[in-house]
Amino acid sequence: MSGAIILLGTLGAIAALNCDLELRQAWPLAVASLVWAGLLLRKERRRPSRSLLIPPAPSPARLDGMPLETLELLERGPLLVLRWRAVKGRGALLFWPDTLPRARRRELRLAVRAHAVSRKAETVAP
């Protein structure tokens, strides 16, 4: 993620210098692009990591210690979207292939599926 931020800031500066703006307008824009990328990078590095725990049934899944009522994993091409609903509201986490290795993606898929199946109430009469 940090590599992408640095790359975008650098490309923004190059684009500002190579466009048809006069140099007295292009240089401040290029510097602003680099400064903005630096601020975003700093903000991204300070963001705390999230802790997701998907235990066996009947325990609820937990995100940063908060119990989750529902947990859903959507696959949108290479992107995994983990959505949840909790007492405090709803949320989502996005996992790109470069942020979650293939083995971890499979582990997450299997854990969410097993958790969803085991948490459902019985539909057959006793």
Protein backbone atom coordinates (compact mmCIF):
# COMPACT_ATOMS: atom_id res chain seq x y z
CA MET A 1 0.00 0.00 0.00
CA SER A 2 2.77 2.41 0.84
CA GLY A 3 4.46 1.72 -2.49
CA ALA A 4 1.27 2.68 -4.32
CA ILE A 5 1.00 5.94 -2.38
CA ILE A 6 4.61 6.87 -3.16
CA LEU A 7 4.13 5.94 -6.82
CA LEU A 8 0.96 8.02 -7.15
CA GLY A 9 2.55 11.04 -5.50
CA THR A 10 5.59 10.82 -7.77
CA LEU A 11 3.47 10.34 -10.90
CA GLY A 12 1.31 13.29 -9.86
CA ALA A 13 4.41 15.48 -9.58
CA ILE A 14 5.72 14.31 -12.96
CA ALA A 15 2.32 14.91 -14.55
CA ALA A 16 2.19 18.43 -13.13
CA LEU A 17 5.63 19.23 -14.54
CA ASN A 18 4.87 17.74 -17.97
CA CYS A 19 1.54 19.42 -18.58
CA ASP A 20 1.00 22.77 -20.33
CA LEU A 21 1.08 24.81 -17.14
CA GLU A 22 3.73 27.47 -16.77
CA LEU A 23 6.62 26.37 -14.57
CA ARG A 24 5.71 28.89 -11.86
CA GLN A 25 2.35 27.11 -11.54
CA ALA A 26 3.55 23.56 -12.16
CA TRP A 27 6.27 23.44 -9.49
CA PRO A 28 4.00 24.27 -6.53
CA LEU A 29 1.52 21.68 -7.82
CA ALA A 30 4.27 19.06 -8.09
CA VAL A 31 5.52 19.82 -4.59
CA ALA A 32 1.94 19.69 -3.25
CA SER A 33 1.51 16.26 -4.84
CA LEU A 34 4.62 14.94 -3.12
CA VAL A 35 3.69 16.50 0.22
CA TRP A 36 0.18 15.06 0.02
CA ALA A 37 1.59 11.61 -0.74
CA GLY A 38 3.89 11.93 2.27
CA LEU A 39 1.00 12.86 4.54
CA LEU A 40 -1.10 9.95 3.28
CA LEU A 41 1.82 7.58 3.76
CA ARG A 42 2.30 8.76 7.34
CA LYS A 43 -1.41 8.37 8.05
CA GLU A 44 -1.43 4.86 6.54
CA ARG A 45 1.56 3.71 8.59
CA ARG A 46 -0.01 4.96 11.83
CA ARG A 47 -3.27 3.10 11.22
CA PRO A 48 -3.56 0.21 13.70
CA SER A 49 -3.88 -3.32 12.40
CA ARG A 50 -7.20 -5.13 12.78
CA SER A 51 -7.65 -8.40 14.65
CA LEU A 52 -10.24 -10.82 13.23
CA LEU A 53 -11.14 -14.00 15.10
CA ILE A 54 -13.57 -16.52 13.61
CA PRO A 55 -13.96 -19.27 16.24
CA PRO A 56 -15.92 -22.51 15.84
CA ALA A 57 -19.66 -22.42 16.46
CA PRO A 58 -21.54 -21.24 18.52
CA SER A 59 -19.15 -18.46 19.54
CA PRO A 60 -19.57 -15.19 17.62
CA ALA A 61 -16.86 -13.87 15.35
CA ARG A 62 -14.89 -10.96 16.80
CA LEU A 63 -13.21 -7.97 15.21
CA ASP A 64 -10.86 -6.06 17.51
CA GLY A 65 -12.59 -7.72 20.46
CA MET A 66 -16.08 -6.60 19.39
CA PRO A 67 -18.59 -9.43 18.78
CA LEU A 68 -20.09 -9.52 15.29
CA GLU A 69 -23.72 -10.50 14.69
CA THR A 70 -23.37 -11.35 11.01
CA LEU A 71 -20.34 -12.01 8.87
CA GLU A 72 -20.34 -12.20 5.07
CA LEU A 73 -17.51 -12.67 2.59
CA LEU A 74 -18.02 -11.50 -1.00
CA GLU A 75 -15.64 -12.26 -3.86
CA ARG A 76 -15.48 -9.52 -6.47
CA GLY A 77 -12.86 -10.77 -8.90
CA PRO A 78 -9.49 -10.48 -7.17
CA LEU A 79 -11.02 -8.43 -4.35
CA LEU A 80 -12.42 -9.98 -1.16
CA VAL A 81 -14.97 -7.93 0.76
CA LEU A 82 -15.62 -8.95 4.36
CA ARG A 83 -18.84 -7.31 5.58
CA TRP A 84 -20.26 -7.50 9.08
CA ARG A 85 -23.04 -6.18 11.27
CA ALA A 86 -22.52 -5.58 14.97
CA VAL A 87 -24.29 -3.79 17.80
CA LYS A 88 -22.42 -0.58 16.98
CA GLY A 89 -23.25 -0.66 13.27
CA ARG A 90 -21.96 -2.12 10.05
CA GLY A 91 -18.55 -2.23 8.46
CA ALA A 92 -16.41 -3.78 5.78
CA LEU A 93 -12.80 -4.73 5.13
CA LEU A 94 -11.30 -4.99 1.65
CA PHE A 95 -8.55 -7.46 0.84
CA TRP A 96 -6.56 -7.05 -2.37
CA PRO A 97 -4.38 -9.96 -3.54
CA ASP A 98 -1.23 -8.09 -2.53
CA THR A 99 -2.43 -7.54 1.05
CA LEU A 100 -3.58 -11.09 1.78
CA PRO A 101 -1.55 -14.08 0.51
CA ARG A 102 -3.30 -16.88 -1.36
CA ALA A 103 -3.17 -19.30 1.59
CA ARG A 104 -4.67 -16.70 3.95
CA ARG A 105 -7.43 -15.88 1.42
CA ARG A 106 -8.38 -19.56 1.28
CA GLU A 107 -8.26 -19.83 5.07
CA LEU A 108 -10.55 -16.79 5.39
CA ARG A 109 -13.02 -18.20 2.84
CA LEU A 110 -13.18 -21.56 4.61
CA ALA A 111 -13.52 -20.02 8.08
CA VAL A 112 -16.36 -17.71 7.04
CA ARG A 113 -18.21 -20.52 5.25
CA ALA A 114 -17.83 -22.90 8.20
CA HIS A 115 -18.92 -20.19 10.62
CA ALA A 116 -21.99 -19.31 8.52
CA VAL A 117 -23.10 -22.93 8.20
CA SER A 118 -22.64 -23.79 11.86
CA ARG A 119 -24.32 -20.63 13.19
CA LYS A 120 -27.65 -21.21 11.42
CA ALA A 121 -30.53 -22.51 13.50
CA GLU A 122 -31.91 -25.95 12.81
CA THR A 123 -34.72 -25.94 10.26
CA VAL A 124 -35.99 -29.46 10.91
CA ALA A 125 -38.57 -30.14 13.59
CA PRO A 126 -37.33 -32.26 16.52
